[in-house]
């Protein structure tokens, strides 16, 4: 079942919109399934088969002064212990290095190594090639509409979920 409970909760349309609800549910199910496949393929090709590694490396790479586990956990919406285990794997693969935090000697700062940057760059290139090939027949208006709709969907869902999380 996976994320189907979430899809069912999202689909609170009037009873006369059954076909639209079915289309939305099927579309979201298909998107989630495709994202799992995509995540697994990119991880297998470039980061040693660890599906969460690409997101971790991306988050670390976006922090110009390095990252801390607690900040990564918040950014990735994961438990700190999960992120810590993933960081250990990234260090073991040679993708990430730990360094003493100059502001707090008890803490460490995480930075991408050259190998980590190369793996992340290769992954980004792979994604660009994949999307260029898969969406090559889409015109600019279709791509713009897709981008707008995806950004609206993720923004609205994130805002809704954040309101539910806050007591």
C-alpha atoms as a PDB file:
ATOM      1  CA  UNK A   1       0.000   0.000   0.000  1.00  0.00           C
ATOM      2  CA  UNK A   2       2.754   2.491   0.883  1.00  0.00           C
ATOM      3  CA  UNK A   3       1.548   6.054   0.459  1.00  0.00           C
ATOM      4  CA  UNK A   4      -2.008   5.193  -0.601  1.00  0.00           C
ATOM      5  CA  UNK A   5      -3.454   6.344   2.734  1.00  0.00           C
ATOM      6  CA  UNK A   6      -2.027   9.800   2.022  1.00  0.00           C
ATOM      7  CA  UNK A   7      -3.436   9.825  -1.483  1.00  0.00           C
ATOM      8  CA  UNK A   8      -6.866   8.873  -0.154  1.00  0.00           C
ATOM      9  CA  UNK A   9      -6.719  11.688   2.395  1.00  0.00           C
ATOM     10  CA  UNK A  10      -5.755  14.216  -0.271  1.00  0.00           C
ATOM     11  CA  UNK A  11      -8.631  13.218  -2.521  1.00  0.00           C
ATOM     12  CA  UNK A  12     -11.529  14.826  -0.671  1.00  0.00           C
ATOM     13  CA  UNK A  13     -13.516  15.890  -3.726  1.00  0.00           C
ATOM     14  CA  UNK A  14     -17.293  16.145  -4.069  1.00  0.00           C
ATOM     15  CA  UNK A  15     -19.011  12.808  -4.847  1.00  0.00           C
ATOM     16  CA  UNK A  16     -19.782  13.876  -8.427  1.00  0.00           C
ATOM     17  CA  UNK A  17     -16.051  14.266  -9.141  1.00  0.00           C
ATOM     18  CA  UNK A  18     -15.281  10.541  -8.915  1.00  0.00           C
ATOM     19  CA  UNK A  19     -13.510  10.405 -12.285  1.00  0.00           C
ATOM     20  CA  UNK A  20     -11.320  13.379 -11.378  1.00  0.00           C
ATOM     21  CA  UNK A  21     -10.527  11.839  -7.990  1.00  0.00           C
ATOM     22  CA  UNK A  22      -9.554   8.597  -9.749  1.00  0.00           C
ATOM     23  CA  UNK A  23      -7.333  10.470 -12.215  1.00  0.00           C
ATOM     24  CA  UNK A  24      -5.625  12.415  -9.413  1.00  0.00           C
ATOM     25  CA  UNK A  25      -5.165   9.302  -7.279  1.00  0.00           C
ATOM     26  CA  UNK A  26      -3.760   7.329 -10.219  1.00  0.00           C
ATOM     27  CA  UNK A  27      -1.487  10.205 -11.190  1.00  0.00           C
ATOM     28  CA  UNK A  28      -0.125  10.599  -7.661  1.00  0.00           C
ATOM     29  CA  UNK A  29       0.355   6.844  -7.273  1.00  0.00           C
ATOM     30  CA  UNK A  30       2.191   6.726 -10.568  1.00  0.00           C
ATOM     31  CA  UNK A  31       4.365   9.698  -9.627  1.00  0.00           C
ATOM     32  CA  UNK A  32       5.308   8.178  -6.271  1.00  0.00           C
ATOM     33  CA  UNK A  33       6.110   4.824  -7.897  1.00  0.00           C
ATOM     34  CA  UNK A  34       8.198   6.503 -10.592  1.00  0.00           C
ATOM     35  CA  UNK A  35      10.052   8.589  -7.995  1.00  0.00           C
ATOM     36  CA  UNK A  36      10.948   5.435  -6.041  1.00  0.00           C
ATOM     37  CA  UNK A  37      12.229   3.816  -9.236  1.00  0.00           C
ATOM     38  CA  UNK A  38      14.117   6.955 -10.223  1.00  0.00           C
ATOM     39  CA  UNK A  39      15.658   7.326  -6.782  1.00  0.00           C
ATOM     40  CA  UNK A  40      16.807   3.727  -6.761  1.00  0.00           C
ATOM     41  CA  UNK A  41      18.282   3.859 -10.268  1.00  0.00           C
ATOM     42  CA  UNK A  42      20.206   7.071  -9.639  1.00  0.00           C
ATOM     43  CA  UNK A  43      21.532   5.724  -6.355  1.00  0.00           C
ATOM     44  CA  UNK A  44      22.555   2.418  -7.905  1.00  0.00           C
ATOM     45  CA  UNK A  45      24.424   4.142 -10.722  1.00  0.00           C
ATOM     46  CA  UNK A  46      26.305   6.821  -8.806  1.00  0.00           C
ATOM     47  CA  UNK A  47      26.349   6.459  -5.026  1.00  0.00           C
ATOM     48  CA  UNK A  48      26.831   2.808  -4.202  1.00  0.00           C
ATOM     49  CA  UNK A  49      23.193   1.776  -4.152  1.00  0.00           C
ATOM     50  CA  UNK A  50      22.088   3.887  -1.185  1.00  0.00           C
ATOM     51  CA  UNK A  51      18.869   5.600  -2.250  1.00  0.00           C
ATOM     52  CA  UNK A  52      18.995   8.359   0.377  1.00  0.00           C
ATOM     53  CA  UNK A  53      22.598   9.223  -0.419  1.00  0.00           C
ATOM     54  CA  UNK A  54      21.792  11.594  -3.295  1.00  0.00           C
ATOM     55  CA  UNK A  55      19.541  13.750  -1.104  1.00  0.00           C
ATOM     56  CA  UNK A  56      22.138  13.739   1.671  1.00  0.00           C
ATOM     57  CA  UNK A  57      24.980  14.729  -0.652  1.00  0.00           C
ATOM     58  CA  UNK A  58      22.810  17.429  -2.239  1.00  0.00           C
ATOM     59  CA  UNK A  59      21.952  18.923   1.145  1.00  0.00           C
ATOM     60  CA  UNK A  60      25.592  18.904   2.246  1.00  0.00           C
ATOM     61  CA  UNK A  61      26.709  20.349  -1.080  1.00  0.00           C
ATOM     62  CA  UNK A  62      24.253  23.248  -0.806  1.00  0.00           C
ATOM     63  CA  UNK A  63      25.749  24.438   2.490  1.00  0.00           C
ATOM     64  CA  UNK A  64      28.759  26.619   1.604  1.00  0.00           C
ATOM     65  CA  UNK A  65      30.260  26.401   5.109  1.00  0.00           C
ATOM     66  CA  UNK A  66      29.471  22.745   5.680  1.00  0.00           C
ATOM     67  CA  UNK A  67      26.571  21.049   7.437  1.00  0.00           C
ATOM     68  CA  UNK A  68      25.712  19.646  10.836  1.00  0.00           C
ATOM     69  CA  UNK A  69      23.709  16.452  11.330  1.00  0.00           C
ATOM     70  CA  UNK A  70      20.895  18.272  13.160  1.00  0.00           C
ATOM     71  CA  UNK A  71      20.534  20.768  10.294  1.00  0.00           C
ATOM     72  CA  UNK A  72      20.542  17.973   7.728  1.00  0.00           C
ATOM     73  CA  UNK A  73      17.887  16.108   9.712  1.00  0.00           C
ATOM     74  CA  UNK A  74      15.663  19.188   9.704  1.00  0.00           C
ATOM     75  CA  UNK A  75      16.283  19.858   6.005  1.00  0.00           C
ATOM     76  CA  UNK A  76      15.647  16.251   4.961  1.00  0.00           C
ATOM     77  CA  UNK A  77      12.765  15.794   7.430  1.00  0.00           C
ATOM     78  CA  UNK A  78      14.423  12.752   8.976  1.00  0.00           C
ATOM     79  CA  UNK A  79      15.404  11.654  12.449  1.00  0.00           C
ATOM     80  CA  UNK A  80      18.933  12.719  13.448  1.00  0.00           C
ATOM     81  CA  UNK A  81      19.917   9.085  14.099  1.00  0.00           C
ATOM     82  CA  UNK A  82      18.903   8.146  10.540  1.00  0.00           C
ATOM     83  CA  UNK A  83      20.935  11.017   9.127  1.00  0.00           C
ATOM     84  CA  UNK A  84      23.880  10.117  11.341  1.00  0.00           C
ATOM     85  CA  UNK A  85      23.896   6.551   9.956  1.00  0.00           C
ATOM     86  CA  UNK A  86      23.675   7.888   6.407  1.00  0.00           C
ATOM     87  CA  UNK A  87      26.537  10.292   7.084  1.00  0.00           C
ATOM     88  CA  UNK A  88      28.635   7.386   8.376  1.00  0.00           C
ATOM     89  CA  UNK A  89      27.949   5.504   5.139  1.00  0.00           C
ATOM     90  CA  UNK A  90      28.822   8.598   3.076  1.00  0.00           C
ATOM     91  CA  UNK A  91      32.092   8.948   4.990  1.00  0.00           C
ATOM     92  CA  UNK A  92      32.854   5.242   4.447  1.00  0.00           C
ATOM     93  CA  UNK A  93      32.255   5.664   0.692  1.00  0.00           C
ATOM     94  CA  UNK A  94      34.600   8.652   0.697  1.00  0.00           C
ATOM     95  CA  UNK A  95      31.848  11.085  -0.334  1.00  0.00           C
ATOM     96  CA  UNK A  96      31.835  13.179   2.858  1.00  0.00           C
ATOM     97  CA  UNK A  97      34.468  14.289   5.328  1.00  0.00           C
ATOM     98  CA  UNK A  98      34.034  15.310   8.936  1.00  0.00           C
ATOM     99  CA  UNK A  99      35.989  18.308  10.222  1.00  0.00           C
ATOM    100  CA  UNK A 100      36.073  20.074  13.565  1.00  0.00           C
ATOM    101  CA  UNK A 101      33.623  22.956  13.721  1.00  0.00           C
ATOM    102  CA  UNK A 102      35.689  26.111  14.271  1.00  0.00           C
ATOM    103  CA  UNK A 103      32.784  27.697  16.166  1.00  0.00           C
ATOM    104  CA  UNK A 104      32.159  24.672  18.415  1.00  0.00           C
ATOM    105  CA  UNK A 105      35.012  22.198  18.877  1.00  0.00           C
ATOM    106  CA  UNK A 106      32.575  19.583  20.249  1.00  0.00           C
ATOM    107  CA  UNK A 107      30.706  19.489  16.937  1.00  0.00           C
ATOM    108  CA  UNK A 108      31.807  18.455  13.480  1.00  0.00           C
ATOM    109  CA  UNK A 109      31.094  20.034  10.131  1.00  0.00           C
ATOM    110  CA  UNK A 110      30.317  17.833   7.157  1.00  0.00           C
ATOM    111  CA  UNK A 111      31.644  18.687   3.722  1.00  0.00           C
ATOM    112  CA  UNK A 112      31.660  16.926   0.371  1.00  0.00           C
ATOM    113  CA  UNK A 113      34.933  15.402  -0.729  1.00  0.00           C
ATOM    114  CA  UNK A 114      36.052  15.598  -4.343  1.00  0.00           C
ATOM    115  CA  UNK A 115      34.632  12.086  -4.803  1.00  0.00           C
ATOM    116  CA  UNK A 116      31.327  13.200  -3.255  1.00  0.00           C
ATOM    117  CA  UNK A 117      31.137  16.232  -5.526  1.00  0.00           C
ATOM    118  CA  UNK A 118      31.951  14.045  -8.547  1.00  0.00           C
ATOM    119  CA  UNK A 119      29.234  11.515  -7.591  1.00  0.00           C
ATOM    120  CA  UNK A 120      26.715  14.315  -7.074  1.00  0.00           C
ATOM    121  CA  UNK A 121      27.655  15.987 -10.369  1.00  0.00           C
ATOM    122  CA  UNK A 122      27.358  12.647 -12.194  1.00  0.00           C
ATOM    123  CA  UNK A 123      23.935  12.113 -10.617  1.00  0.00           C
ATOM    124  CA  UNK A 124      22.763  15.593 -11.638  1.00  0.00           C
ATOM    125  CA  UNK A 125      24.031  15.008 -15.194  1.00  0.00           C
ATOM    126  CA  UNK A 126      22.193  11.667 -15.260  1.00  0.00           C
ATOM    127  CA  UNK A 127      18.950  13.346 -14.128  1.00  0.00           C
ATOM    128  CA  UNK A 128      19.321  16.107 -16.730  1.00  0.00           C
ATOM    129  CA  UNK A 129      19.891  13.571 -19.514  1.00  0.00           C
ATOM    130  CA  UNK A 130      16.981  11.433 -18.338  1.00  0.00           C
ATOM    131  CA  UNK A 131      14.530  14.339 -18.174  1.00  0.00           C
ATOM    132  CA  UNK A 132      15.737  15.792 -21.480  1.00  0.00           C
ATOM    133  CA  UNK A 133      15.116  12.425 -23.118  1.00  0.00           C
ATOM    134  CA  UNK A 134      11.834  11.620 -21.356  1.00  0.00           C
ATOM    135  CA  UNK A 135      10.339  15.097 -21.781  1.00  0.00           C
ATOM    136  CA  UNK A 136      11.956  15.908 -25.120  1.00  0.00           C
ATOM    137  CA  UNK A 137       8.617  16.059 -26.939  1.00  0.00           C
ATOM    138  CA  UNK A 138       7.051  18.467 -24.432  1.00  0.00           C
ATOM    139  CA  UNK A 139       6.890  22.085 -25.522  1.00  0.00           C
ATOM    140  CA  UNK A 140       7.844  25.026 -23.314  1.00  0.00           C
ATOM    141  CA  UNK A 141       4.223  25.735 -22.317  1.00  0.00           C
ATOM    142  CA  UNK A 142       3.734  22.140 -21.132  1.00  0.00           C
ATOM    143  CA  UNK A 143       6.988  22.201 -19.153  1.00  0.00           C
ATOM    144  CA  UNK A 144       6.071  25.566 -17.627  1.00  0.00           C
ATOM    145  CA  UNK A 145       2.632  24.258 -16.627  1.00  0.00           C
ATOM    146  CA  UNK A 146       4.206  21.134 -15.116  1.00  0.00           C
ATOM    147  CA  UNK A 147       6.739  23.162 -13.128  1.00  0.00           C
ATOM    148  CA  UNK A 148       4.047  25.543 -11.903  1.00  0.00           C
ATOM    149  CA  UNK A 149       1.716  22.706 -10.888  1.00  0.00           C
ATOM    150  CA  UNK A 150       4.441  20.698  -9.133  1.00  0.00           C
ATOM    151  CA  UNK A 151       5.643  23.767  -7.233  1.00  0.00           C
ATOM    152  CA  UNK A 152       2.090  24.622  -6.224  1.00  0.00           C
ATOM    153  CA  UNK A 153       1.365  21.035  -5.148  1.00  0.00           C
ATOM    154  CA  UNK A 154       4.504  20.718  -3.032  1.00  0.00           C
ATOM    155  CA  UNK A 155       4.073  24.205  -1.583  1.00  0.00           C
ATOM    156  CA  UNK A 156       0.421  23.679  -0.651  1.00  0.00           C
ATOM    157  CA  UNK A 157       1.063  20.227   0.825  1.00  0.00           C
ATOM    158  CA  UNK A 158       4.102  21.454   2.770  1.00  0.00           C
ATOM    159  CA  UNK A 159       2.197  24.433   4.171  1.00  0.00           C
ATOM    160  CA  UNK A 160      -0.730  22.221   5.136  1.00  0.00           C
ATOM    161  CA  UNK A 161       1.516  19.654   6.816  1.00  0.00           C
ATOM    162  CA  UNK A 162       3.494  22.343   8.655  1.00  0.00           C
ATOM    163  CA  UNK A 163       0.249  23.793  10.048  1.00  0.00           C
ATOM    164  CA  UNK A 164      -0.721  20.319  11.271  1.00  0.00           C
ATOM    165  CA  UNK A 165       2.689  19.777  12.909  1.00  0.00           C
ATOM    166  CA  UNK A 166       2.634  23.040  14.834  1.00  0.00           C
ATOM    167  CA  UNK A 167       0.719  22.712  18.147  1.00  0.00           C
END
